[in-house]
């Protein structure tokens, strides 16, 4: 993924982690990760490198992968999809909380608020967000439709959060996602 010629953004490293026993075993094609990638391709005008992983619903593997992408690879943002429901195998929020140094409750609250416009079962979701070092980590729902319904509204706060974490300046296509930054934090 590369930025447009009129971008003023810096190169970001973005992680996508699909958490699914069946997709990681090849029983079906992962559609959640590609839905996030499609959003990145349409919304970001800054150059970005995307790191993708598809892993099983296993607490230790999820934690290990989050640490690998944040600490070893240096992702600025990691977005997970899947494993956020009430089923016993759904442990993505637990893994996220375990590796994050600070929890940002607004991510989960806003996703549930948005999703309740579409389905009453949104109250069963347990998405969380937080930071590990200079990396923002947050969970999205597992279904592509739910990802599309939430990511553009959630992402509005992400570029400024990355600014506050001393990460790269992420520039956006305002027609896809109008990211919010205070006037004194904008480069344009």
N, C-alpha and C. Protein backbone atom coordinates (compact mmCIF):
# COMPACT_ATOMS: atom_id res chain seq x y z
N UNK A 1 0.86 -1.16 0.00
CA UNK A 1 0.00 0.00 0.00
C UNK A 1 0.90 1.22 0.00
N UNK A 2 0.59 2.19 -0.86
CA UNK A 2 1.41 3.40 -0.89
C UNK A 2 0.50 4.61 -0.89
N UNK A 3 1.05 5.71 -0.44
CA UNK A 3 0.29 6.95 -0.33
C UNK A 3 0.16 7.63 -1.68
N UNK A 4 -0.78 8.58 -1.76
CA UNK A 4 -0.95 9.35 -2.98
C UNK A 4 0.12 10.43 -3.04
N UNK A 5 0.28 11.05 -4.21
CA UNK A 5 1.31 12.06 -4.39
C UNK A 5 1.06 13.31 -3.54
N UNK A 6 -0.17 13.59 -3.19
CA UNK A 6 -0.47 14.81 -2.43
C UNK A 6 -0.54 14.56 -0.92
N UNK A 7 -0.08 13.43 -0.47
CA UNK A 7 -0.12 13.13 0.96
C UNK A 7 0.95 13.90 1.73
N UNK A 8 0.65 14.18 2.95
CA UNK A 8 1.67 14.76 3.83
C UNK A 8 1.92 13.81 4.99
N UNK A 9 1.43 12.60 4.86
CA UNK A 9 1.57 11.63 5.95
C UNK A 9 2.89 10.89 5.92
N UNK A 10 3.20 10.28 7.05
CA UNK A 10 4.41 9.48 7.21
C UNK A 10 4.04 8.01 7.00
N UNK A 11 5.05 7.18 6.76
CA UNK A 11 4.81 5.74 6.60
C UNK A 11 4.44 5.11 7.94
N UNK A 12 3.36 4.37 7.94
CA UNK A 12 2.89 3.67 9.14
C UNK A 12 3.02 2.17 8.92
N UNK A 13 3.14 1.45 10.02
CA UNK A 13 3.11 -0.01 9.98
C UNK A 13 1.85 -0.45 10.70
N UNK A 14 1.00 -1.15 9.97
CA UNK A 14 -0.32 -1.54 10.47
C UNK A 14 -0.42 -3.05 10.54
N UNK A 15 -0.92 -3.56 11.65
CA UNK A 15 -1.10 -4.98 11.81
C UNK A 15 -2.56 -5.38 11.75
N UNK A 16 -2.84 -6.46 11.07
CA UNK A 16 -4.18 -7.05 11.03
C UNK A 16 -4.04 -8.48 11.55
N UNK A 17 -4.81 -8.80 12.58
CA UNK A 17 -4.81 -10.16 13.11
C UNK A 17 -6.23 -10.70 13.07
N UNK A 18 -6.44 -11.74 12.29
CA UNK A 18 -7.71 -12.45 12.30
C UNK A 18 -7.59 -13.58 13.31
N UNK A 19 -8.54 -13.63 14.24
CA UNK A 19 -8.55 -14.68 15.26
C UNK A 19 -9.72 -15.60 14.95
N UNK A 20 -9.41 -16.79 14.47
CA UNK A 20 -10.45 -17.74 14.09
C UNK A 20 -9.85 -19.13 13.99
N UNK A 21 -10.39 -20.07 14.76
CA UNK A 21 -9.93 -21.45 14.67
C UNK A 21 -10.11 -21.98 13.25
N UNK A 22 -11.31 -21.80 12.70
CA UNK A 22 -11.61 -22.38 11.39
C UNK A 22 -10.84 -21.74 10.26
N UNK A 23 -10.72 -20.41 10.26
CA UNK A 23 -9.96 -19.75 9.19
C UNK A 23 -8.48 -20.09 9.28
N UNK A 24 -7.94 -20.15 10.51
CA UNK A 24 -6.51 -20.47 10.65
C UNK A 24 -6.21 -21.92 10.26
N UNK A 25 -7.21 -22.80 10.35
CA UNK A 25 -7.05 -24.21 9.94
C UNK A 25 -7.37 -24.43 8.47
N UNK A 26 -7.77 -23.38 7.76
CA UNK A 26 -8.08 -23.50 6.35
C UNK A 26 -9.45 -24.05 6.05
N UNK A 27 -10.33 -24.11 7.07
CA UNK A 27 -11.68 -24.64 6.85
C UNK A 27 -12.55 -23.66 6.05
N UNK A 28 -12.26 -22.37 6.16
CA UNK A 28 -12.92 -21.38 5.32
C UNK A 28 -12.01 -20.19 5.15
N UNK A 29 -12.32 -19.39 4.14
CA UNK A 29 -11.51 -18.22 3.80
C UNK A 29 -11.80 -17.10 4.79
N UNK A 30 -10.74 -16.50 5.31
CA UNK A 30 -10.88 -15.35 6.19
C UNK A 30 -11.43 -14.17 5.40
N UNK A 31 -12.55 -13.62 5.82
CA UNK A 31 -13.11 -12.44 5.18
C UNK A 31 -12.93 -11.19 6.04
N UNK A 32 -12.68 -11.35 7.35
CA UNK A 32 -12.52 -10.21 8.24
C UNK A 32 -11.25 -9.42 7.97
N UNK A 33 -10.11 -10.13 7.90
CA UNK A 33 -8.85 -9.46 7.61
C UNK A 33 -8.88 -8.69 6.29
N UNK A 34 -9.36 -9.31 5.20
CA UNK A 34 -9.46 -8.58 3.94
C UNK A 34 -10.40 -7.36 4.00
N UNK A 35 -11.45 -7.42 4.82
CA UNK A 35 -12.34 -6.26 4.97
C UNK A 35 -11.59 -5.09 5.61
N UNK A 36 -10.74 -5.38 6.58
CA UNK A 36 -9.93 -4.33 7.21
C UNK A 36 -8.92 -3.79 6.20
N UNK A 37 -8.26 -4.68 5.46
CA UNK A 37 -7.29 -4.26 4.46
C UNK A 37 -7.96 -3.38 3.40
N UNK A 38 -9.16 -3.74 2.98
CA UNK A 38 -9.89 -2.93 2.00
C UNK A 38 -10.12 -1.52 2.55
N UNK A 39 -10.51 -1.42 3.82
CA UNK A 39 -10.68 -0.09 4.43
C UNK A 39 -9.36 0.69 4.39
N UNK A 40 -8.26 0.05 4.79
CA UNK A 40 -6.97 0.73 4.77
C UNK A 40 -6.65 1.25 3.36
N UNK A 41 -6.86 0.40 2.36
CA UNK A 41 -6.55 0.79 0.98
C UNK A 41 -7.38 1.97 0.51
N UNK A 42 -8.62 2.05 0.96
CA UNK A 42 -9.50 3.13 0.54
C UNK A 42 -9.33 4.39 1.39
N UNK A 43 -9.02 4.24 2.67
CA UNK A 43 -9.07 5.37 3.60
C UNK A 43 -7.72 6.07 3.80
N UNK A 44 -6.64 5.35 3.76
CA UNK A 44 -5.34 5.95 4.03
C UNK A 44 -4.73 6.55 2.78
N UNK A 45 -4.22 7.76 2.89
CA UNK A 45 -3.45 8.34 1.80
C UNK A 45 -1.96 8.33 2.13
N UNK A 46 -1.63 8.10 3.38
CA UNK A 46 -0.24 7.94 3.80
C UNK A 46 0.27 6.58 3.35
N UNK A 47 1.56 6.48 3.12
CA UNK A 47 2.11 5.15 2.82
C UNK A 47 2.01 4.26 4.06
N UNK A 48 1.81 2.99 3.85
CA UNK A 48 1.70 2.06 4.97
C UNK A 48 2.16 0.67 4.55
N UNK A 49 2.75 0.00 5.52
CA UNK A 49 3.08 -1.41 5.37
C UNK A 49 2.08 -2.17 6.23
N UNK A 50 1.48 -3.20 5.68
CA UNK A 50 0.49 -3.98 6.42
C UNK A 50 1.04 -5.37 6.70
N UNK A 51 0.97 -5.76 7.97
CA UNK A 51 1.40 -7.09 8.41
C UNK A 51 0.13 -7.87 8.76
N UNK A 52 -0.04 -9.05 8.19
CA UNK A 52 -1.26 -9.84 8.39
C UNK A 52 -0.95 -11.18 9.03
N UNK A 53 -1.79 -11.55 9.99
CA UNK A 53 -1.70 -12.87 10.61
C UNK A 53 -3.12 -13.43 10.76
N UNK A 54 -3.26 -14.73 10.57
CA UNK A 54 -4.51 -15.44 10.82
C UNK A 54 -4.17 -16.56 11.80
N UNK A 55 -4.73 -16.46 13.01
CA UNK A 55 -4.33 -17.36 14.10
C UNK A 55 -5.56 -17.96 14.77
N UNK A 56 -5.38 -19.06 15.50
CA UNK A 56 -6.51 -19.69 16.20
C UNK A 56 -6.92 -18.91 17.45
N UNK A 57 -8.10 -19.22 17.96
CA UNK A 57 -8.63 -18.66 19.21
C UNK A 57 -7.89 -19.31 20.38
N UNK A 58 -6.68 -18.89 20.60
CA UNK A 58 -5.86 -19.45 21.67
C UNK A 58 -5.21 -18.27 22.40
N UNK A 59 -5.48 -18.15 23.69
CA UNK A 59 -5.04 -17.00 24.46
C UNK A 59 -3.55 -16.75 24.33
N UNK A 60 -2.74 -17.78 24.51
CA UNK A 60 -1.29 -17.58 24.47
C UNK A 60 -0.81 -17.20 23.07
N UNK A 61 -1.40 -17.77 22.03
CA UNK A 61 -1.01 -17.43 20.66
C UNK A 61 -1.41 -15.99 20.34
N UNK A 62 -2.59 -15.58 20.77
CA UNK A 62 -3.03 -14.20 20.51
C UNK A 62 -2.10 -13.21 21.21
N UNK A 63 -1.80 -13.48 22.49
CA UNK A 63 -0.88 -12.59 23.22
C UNK A 63 0.49 -12.55 22.54
N UNK A 64 1.00 -13.71 22.18
CA UNK A 64 2.31 -13.79 21.53
C UNK A 64 2.32 -13.00 20.22
N UNK A 65 1.25 -13.10 19.44
CA UNK A 65 1.18 -12.41 18.15
C UNK A 65 1.06 -10.91 18.34
N UNK A 66 0.27 -10.48 19.33
CA UNK A 66 0.18 -9.05 19.62
C UNK A 66 1.54 -8.48 20.02
N UNK A 67 2.27 -9.20 20.86
CA UNK A 67 3.60 -8.75 21.29
C UNK A 67 4.57 -8.74 20.11
N UNK A 68 4.52 -9.78 19.27
CA UNK A 68 5.39 -9.83 18.09
C UNK A 68 5.17 -8.61 17.20
N UNK A 69 3.90 -8.33 16.88
CA UNK A 69 3.62 -7.22 15.98
C UNK A 69 3.93 -5.87 16.60
N UNK A 70 3.67 -5.71 17.89
CA UNK A 70 3.94 -4.41 18.52
C UNK A 70 5.41 -4.23 18.86
N UNK A 71 6.02 -5.19 19.51
CA UNK A 71 7.39 -5.04 20.00
C UNK A 71 8.46 -5.38 18.97
N UNK A 72 8.30 -6.52 18.30
CA UNK A 72 9.34 -6.98 17.37
C UNK A 72 9.25 -6.30 16.01
N UNK A 73 8.05 -6.20 15.46
CA UNK A 73 7.87 -5.61 14.14
C UNK A 73 7.71 -4.09 14.23
N UNK A 74 7.15 -3.60 15.32
CA UNK A 74 7.00 -2.16 15.50
C UNK A 74 5.75 -1.57 14.87
N UNK A 75 4.66 -2.33 14.89
CA UNK A 75 3.41 -1.79 14.35
C UNK A 75 2.97 -0.56 15.14
N UNK A 76 2.44 0.40 14.42
CA UNK A 76 1.88 1.60 15.03
C UNK A 76 0.45 1.35 15.48
N UNK A 77 -0.26 0.53 14.73
CA UNK A 77 -1.64 0.15 15.04
C UNK A 77 -1.79 -1.33 14.75
N UNK A 78 -2.49 -2.04 15.64
CA UNK A 78 -2.85 -3.43 15.40
C UNK A 78 -4.36 -3.52 15.55
N UNK A 79 -5.02 -4.05 14.52
CA UNK A 79 -6.46 -4.24 14.54
C UNK A 79 -6.73 -5.74 14.50
N UNK A 80 -7.47 -6.23 15.47
CA UNK A 80 -7.84 -7.64 15.47
C UNK A 80 -9.28 -7.77 15.01
N UNK A 81 -9.63 -8.93 14.49
CA UNK A 81 -11.01 -9.23 14.15
C UNK A 81 -11.29 -10.66 14.59
N UNK A 82 -12.42 -10.84 15.26
CA UNK A 82 -12.82 -12.16 15.72
C UNK A 82 -12.47 -12.41 17.17
N UNK A 83 -13.19 -13.36 17.75
CA UNK A 83 -12.92 -13.80 19.11
C UNK A 83 -13.38 -12.84 20.19
N UNK A 84 -14.40 -12.03 19.90
CA UNK A 84 -14.84 -11.02 20.87
C UNK A 84 -16.24 -11.28 21.44
N UNK A 85 -16.82 -12.41 21.11
CA UNK A 85 -18.16 -12.72 21.61
C UNK A 85 -18.13 -13.39 22.97
N UNK A 86 -19.27 -13.94 23.41
CA UNK A 86 -19.35 -14.56 24.73
C UNK A 86 -18.99 -16.05 24.77
N UNK A 87 -18.68 -16.64 23.61
CA UNK A 87 -18.35 -18.07 23.59
C UNK A 87 -17.06 -18.32 24.37
N UNK A 88 -16.92 -19.53 24.89
CA UNK A 88 -15.74 -19.86 25.71
C UNK A 88 -14.43 -19.70 24.95
N UNK A 89 -14.42 -19.95 23.65
CA UNK A 89 -13.19 -19.83 22.85
C UNK A 89 -12.89 -18.38 22.49
N UNK A 90 -13.80 -17.45 22.70
CA UNK A 90 -13.59 -16.04 22.36
C UNK A 90 -12.76 -15.36 23.44
N UNK A 91 -11.44 -15.26 23.19
CA UNK A 91 -10.53 -14.72 24.22
C UNK A 91 -9.69 -13.56 23.71
N UNK A 92 -10.05 -12.98 22.58
CA UNK A 92 -9.27 -11.86 22.06
C UNK A 92 -9.22 -10.68 23.03
N UNK A 93 -10.35 -10.29 23.66
CA UNK A 93 -10.26 -9.17 24.62
C UNK A 93 -9.34 -9.47 25.80
N UNK A 94 -9.38 -10.70 26.30
CA UNK A 94 -8.50 -11.07 27.42
C UNK A 94 -7.03 -10.95 27.02
N UNK A 95 -6.71 -11.39 25.81
CA UNK A 95 -5.33 -11.29 25.33
C UNK A 95 -4.92 -9.83 25.15
N UNK A 96 -5.82 -9.04 24.63
CA UNK A 96 -5.53 -7.62 24.42
C UNK A 96 -5.29 -6.92 25.75
N UNK A 97 -6.16 -7.15 26.71
CA UNK A 97 -6.00 -6.54 28.03
C UNK A 97 -4.69 -6.99 28.68
N UNK A 98 -4.34 -8.26 28.50
CA UNK A 98 -3.13 -8.79 29.12
C UNK A 98 -1.85 -8.13 28.58
N UNK A 99 -1.83 -7.75 27.31
CA UNK A 99 -0.60 -7.17 26.75
C UNK A 99 -0.59 -5.65 26.75
N UNK A 100 -1.75 -5.03 26.92
CA UNK A 100 -1.80 -3.56 26.90
C UNK A 100 -1.38 -2.97 28.25
N UNK A 101 -0.71 -1.84 28.17
CA UNK A 101 -0.31 -1.11 29.37
C UNK A 101 -1.41 -0.17 29.83
N UNK A 102 -2.20 0.33 28.88
CA UNK A 102 -3.31 1.22 29.19
C UNK A 102 -4.52 0.81 28.36
N UNK A 103 -5.66 0.75 28.99
CA UNK A 103 -6.90 0.41 28.29
C UNK A 103 -7.63 1.70 27.93
N UNK A 104 -8.12 1.76 26.70
CA UNK A 104 -8.90 2.89 26.21
C UNK A 104 -10.34 2.42 26.05
N UNK A 105 -11.11 2.58 27.10
CA UNK A 105 -12.47 2.04 27.15
C UNK A 105 -13.38 2.54 26.04
N UNK A 106 -13.12 3.73 25.53
CA UNK A 106 -13.99 4.31 24.51
C UNK A 106 -14.09 3.49 23.24
N UNK A 107 -13.05 2.73 22.90
CA UNK A 107 -13.12 1.93 21.67
C UNK A 107 -14.24 0.90 21.74
N UNK A 108 -14.28 0.11 22.79
CA UNK A 108 -15.33 -0.89 22.93
C UNK A 108 -16.71 -0.26 23.09
N UNK A 109 -16.77 0.80 23.88
CA UNK A 109 -18.05 1.49 24.10
C UNK A 109 -18.62 2.01 22.78
N UNK A 110 -17.77 2.65 21.96
CA UNK A 110 -18.24 3.22 20.70
C UNK A 110 -18.63 2.13 19.71
N UNK A 111 -17.89 1.03 19.65
CA UNK A 111 -18.25 -0.04 18.73
C UNK A 111 -19.60 -0.64 19.08
N UNK A 112 -19.84 -0.86 20.37
CA UNK A 112 -21.14 -1.40 20.77
C UNK A 112 -22.26 -0.40 20.47
N UNK A 113 -22.01 0.85 20.70
CA UNK A 113 -23.00 1.90 20.42
C UNK A 113 -23.35 1.90 18.93
N UNK A 114 -22.33 1.88 18.07
CA UNK A 114 -22.56 1.87 16.63
C UNK A 114 -23.31 0.60 16.22
N UNK A 115 -22.86 -0.54 16.71
CA UNK A 115 -23.45 -1.82 16.31
C UNK A 115 -24.88 -1.99 16.76
N UNK A 116 -25.24 -1.35 17.87
CA UNK A 116 -26.63 -1.45 18.35
C UNK A 116 -27.61 -0.82 17.37
N UNK A 117 -27.14 0.05 16.50
CA UNK A 117 -28.00 0.61 15.46
C UNK A 117 -28.44 -0.47 14.47
N UNK A 118 -27.64 -1.55 14.37
CA UNK A 118 -27.87 -2.59 13.37
C UNK A 118 -28.43 -3.89 13.96
N UNK A 119 -27.92 -4.30 15.13
CA UNK A 119 -28.34 -5.57 15.71
C UNK A 119 -28.42 -5.47 17.23
N UNK A 120 -29.47 -6.03 17.84
CA UNK A 120 -29.57 -5.97 19.30
C UNK A 120 -28.53 -6.84 20.01
N UNK A 121 -27.95 -7.79 19.30
CA UNK A 121 -26.95 -8.66 19.93
C UNK A 121 -25.58 -7.98 20.09
N UNK A 122 -25.47 -6.72 19.69
CA UNK A 122 -24.22 -5.98 19.89
C UNK A 122 -23.83 -5.91 21.36
N UNK A 123 -24.82 -6.03 22.24
CA UNK A 123 -24.51 -5.99 23.68
C UNK A 123 -23.71 -7.21 24.11
N UNK A 124 -23.64 -8.24 23.26
CA UNK A 124 -22.86 -9.44 23.59
C UNK A 124 -21.39 -9.30 23.22
N UNK A 125 -21.04 -8.23 22.51
CA UNK A 125 -19.66 -8.07 22.07
C UNK A 125 -18.79 -7.50 23.18
N UNK A 126 -17.49 -7.86 23.13
CA UNK A 126 -16.59 -7.49 24.22
C UNK A 126 -15.32 -6.82 23.71
N UNK A 127 -15.41 -6.10 22.59
CA UNK A 127 -14.22 -5.46 22.03
C UNK A 127 -13.61 -4.49 23.04
N UNK A 128 -12.28 -4.40 22.98
CA UNK A 128 -11.54 -3.45 23.81
C UNK A 128 -10.46 -2.78 22.96
N UNK A 129 -9.89 -1.73 23.50
CA UNK A 129 -8.75 -1.07 22.87
C UNK A 129 -7.77 -0.66 23.95
N UNK A 130 -6.53 -0.51 23.56
CA UNK A 130 -5.53 -0.08 24.51
C UNK A 130 -4.22 0.20 23.82
N UNK A 131 -3.22 0.54 24.63
CA UNK A 131 -1.90 0.84 24.09
C UNK A 131 -0.85 -0.06 24.72
N UNK A 132 0.13 -0.37 23.90
CA UNK A 132 1.32 -1.09 24.36
C UNK A 132 2.50 -0.30 23.79
N UNK A 133 3.24 0.37 24.66
CA UNK A 133 4.29 1.25 24.18
C UNK A 133 3.68 2.32 23.29
N UNK A 134 4.19 2.44 22.07
CA UNK A 134 3.67 3.43 21.12
C UNK A 134 2.67 2.84 20.14
N UNK A 135 2.16 1.66 20.46
CA UNK A 135 1.25 0.95 19.56
C UNK A 135 -0.18 0.98 20.10
N UNK A 136 -1.12 1.33 19.23
CA UNK A 136 -2.54 1.25 19.55
C UNK A 136 -3.04 -0.12 19.10
N UNK A 137 -3.75 -0.81 19.98
CA UNK A 137 -4.32 -2.12 19.66
C UNK A 137 -5.81 -2.05 19.94
N UNK A 138 -6.64 -2.49 18.99
CA UNK A 138 -8.07 -2.58 19.27
C UNK A 138 -8.70 -3.72 18.51
N UNK A 139 -9.80 -4.21 19.09
CA UNK A 139 -10.53 -5.36 18.54
C UNK A 139 -11.74 -4.87 17.75
N UNK A 140 -11.94 -5.47 16.60
CA UNK A 140 -13.16 -5.25 15.80
C UNK A 140 -13.99 -6.52 15.84
N UNK A 141 -15.27 -6.40 15.47
CA UNK A 141 -16.10 -7.61 15.36
C UNK A 141 -15.51 -8.56 14.32
N UNK A 142 -16.02 -9.77 14.28
CA UNK A 142 -15.49 -10.77 13.37
C UNK A 142 -16.15 -10.81 12.00
N UNK A 143 -17.35 -10.32 11.89
CA UNK A 143 -18.07 -10.39 10.61
C UNK A 143 -17.74 -9.18 9.74
N UNK A 144 -17.49 -9.41 8.43
CA UNK A 144 -17.15 -8.29 7.54
C UNK A 144 -18.18 -7.18 7.54
N UNK A 145 -19.45 -7.52 7.59
CA UNK A 145 -20.50 -6.48 7.61
C UNK A 145 -20.35 -5.61 8.86
N UNK A 146 -20.12 -6.22 10.00
CA UNK A 146 -19.95 -5.46 11.24
C UNK A 146 -18.66 -4.65 11.23
N UNK A 147 -17.62 -5.17 10.59
CA UNK A 147 -16.38 -4.41 10.44
C UNK A 147 -16.64 -3.15 9.64
N UNK A 148 -17.32 -3.30 8.50
CA UNK A 148 -17.61 -2.14 7.65
C UNK A 148 -18.50 -1.12 8.36
N UNK A 149 -19.39 -1.59 9.21
CA UNK A 149 -20.29 -0.68 9.93
C UNK A 149 -19.58 0.11 11.01
N UNK A 150 -18.47 -0.40 11.52
CA UNK A 150 -17.82 0.24 12.66
C UNK A 150 -16.48 0.89 12.36
N UNK A 151 -15.69 0.35 11.46
CA UNK A 151 -14.30 0.78 11.35
C UNK A 151 -14.14 2.24 10.95
N UNK A 152 -14.97 2.74 10.03
CA UNK A 152 -14.78 4.12 9.61
C UNK A 152 -15.05 5.11 10.75
N UNK A 153 -16.02 4.80 11.60
CA UNK A 153 -16.32 5.68 12.73
C UNK A 153 -15.27 5.55 13.83
N UNK A 154 -14.81 4.35 14.08
CA UNK A 154 -13.76 4.13 15.09
C UNK A 154 -12.46 4.77 14.62
N UNK A 155 -12.13 4.58 13.35
CA UNK A 155 -10.84 5.06 12.83
C UNK A 155 -10.73 6.58 12.87
N UNK A 156 -11.83 7.30 12.98
CA UNK A 156 -11.77 8.76 13.04
C UNK A 156 -10.85 9.24 14.16
N UNK A 157 -10.74 8.48 15.24
CA UNK A 157 -9.90 8.87 16.38
C UNK A 157 -8.49 8.29 16.31
N UNK A 158 -8.25 7.35 15.43
CA UNK A 158 -6.97 6.64 15.42
C UNK A 158 -5.78 7.51 15.03
N UNK A 159 -5.83 8.28 13.94
CA UNK A 159 -4.64 9.06 13.59
C UNK A 159 -4.18 10.01 14.71
N UNK A 160 -5.10 10.67 15.37
CA UNK A 160 -4.70 11.57 16.46
C UNK A 160 -4.15 10.78 17.64
N UNK A 161 -4.73 9.62 17.92
CA UNK A 161 -4.19 8.77 18.99
C UNK A 161 -2.74 8.39 18.68
N UNK A 162 -2.46 8.05 17.43
CA UNK A 162 -1.10 7.69 17.04
C UNK A 162 -0.18 8.90 17.18
N UNK A 163 -0.68 10.10 16.85
CA UNK A 163 0.10 11.32 17.08
C UNK A 163 0.49 11.42 18.56
N UNK A 164 -0.48 11.20 19.44
CA UNK A 164 -0.24 11.32 20.87
C UNK A 164 0.74 10.26 21.39
N UNK A 165 0.84 9.15 20.67
CA UNK A 165 1.77 8.08 21.03
C UNK A 165 3.13 8.25 20.35
N UNK A 166 3.35 9.43 19.76
CA UNK A 166 4.60 9.75 19.06
C UNK A 166 4.84 8.87 17.84
N UNK A 167 3.75 8.43 17.22
CA UNK A 167 3.87 7.62 16.01
C UNK A 167 3.84 8.47 14.76
N UNK A 168 3.76 7.84 13.61
CA UNK A 168 3.75 8.58 12.34
C UNK A 168 2.46 9.37 12.15
N UNK A 169 2.55 10.41 11.38
CA UNK A 169 1.37 11.21 11.03
C UNK A 169 0.63 10.46 9.93
N UNK A 170 -0.56 9.97 10.24
CA UNK A 170 -1.35 9.19 9.29
C UNK A 170 -2.37 10.12 8.64
N UNK A 171 -2.27 10.24 7.33
CA UNK A 171 -3.16 11.10 6.57
C UNK A 171 -4.26 10.25 5.95
N UNK A 172 -5.46 10.82 5.85
CA UNK A 172 -6.64 10.06 5.45
C UNK A 172 -7.31 10.66 4.22
N UNK A 173 -8.05 9.84 3.52
CA UNK A 173 -8.95 10.27 2.46
C UNK A 173 -10.24 10.69 3.15
N UNK A 174 -10.49 11.98 3.25
CA UNK A 174 -11.65 12.48 4.00
C UNK A 174 -12.98 12.02 3.42
N UNK A 175 -13.01 11.62 2.16
CA UNK A 175 -14.24 11.12 1.57
C UNK A 175 -14.61 9.74 2.11
N UNK A 176 -13.63 9.01 2.63
CA UNK A 176 -13.86 7.68 3.18
C UNK A 176 -13.96 7.74 4.70
N UNK A 177 -13.06 8.48 5.32
CA UNK A 177 -13.02 8.56 6.78
C UNK A 177 -12.44 9.91 7.18
N UNK A 178 -13.25 10.73 7.77
CA UNK A 178 -12.83 12.06 8.16
C UNK A 178 -12.22 12.00 9.57
N UNK A 179 -10.91 11.81 9.61
CA UNK A 179 -10.21 11.69 10.90
C UNK A 179 -10.23 13.02 11.63
N UNK A 180 -10.39 12.95 12.94
CA UNK A 180 -10.41 14.16 13.77
C UNK A 180 -9.03 14.41 14.36
N UNK A 181 -8.59 15.64 14.24
CA UNK A 181 -7.41 16.15 14.94
C UNK A 181 -7.73 17.58 15.35
N UNK A 182 -7.30 17.98 16.55
CA UNK A 182 -7.44 19.41 16.90
C UNK A 182 -6.68 20.24 15.87
N UNK A 183 -7.12 21.47 15.65
CA UNK A 183 -6.50 22.31 14.63
C UNK A 183 -5.00 22.44 14.80
N UNK A 184 -4.54 22.53 16.04
CA UNK A 184 -3.11 22.71 16.26
C UNK A 184 -2.30 21.43 16.04
N UNK A 185 -2.97 20.31 15.77
CA UNK A 185 -2.28 19.05 15.52
C UNK A 185 -2.27 18.68 14.04
N UNK A 186 -2.87 19.51 13.19
CA UNK A 186 -2.95 19.21 11.76
C UNK A 186 -1.73 19.76 11.03
N UNK A 187 -1.28 19.05 10.02
CA UNK A 187 -0.14 19.49 9.21
C UNK A 187 -0.56 20.39 8.07
N UNK A 188 -1.79 20.25 7.60
CA UNK A 188 -2.21 21.02 6.42
C UNK A 188 -2.51 22.44 6.77
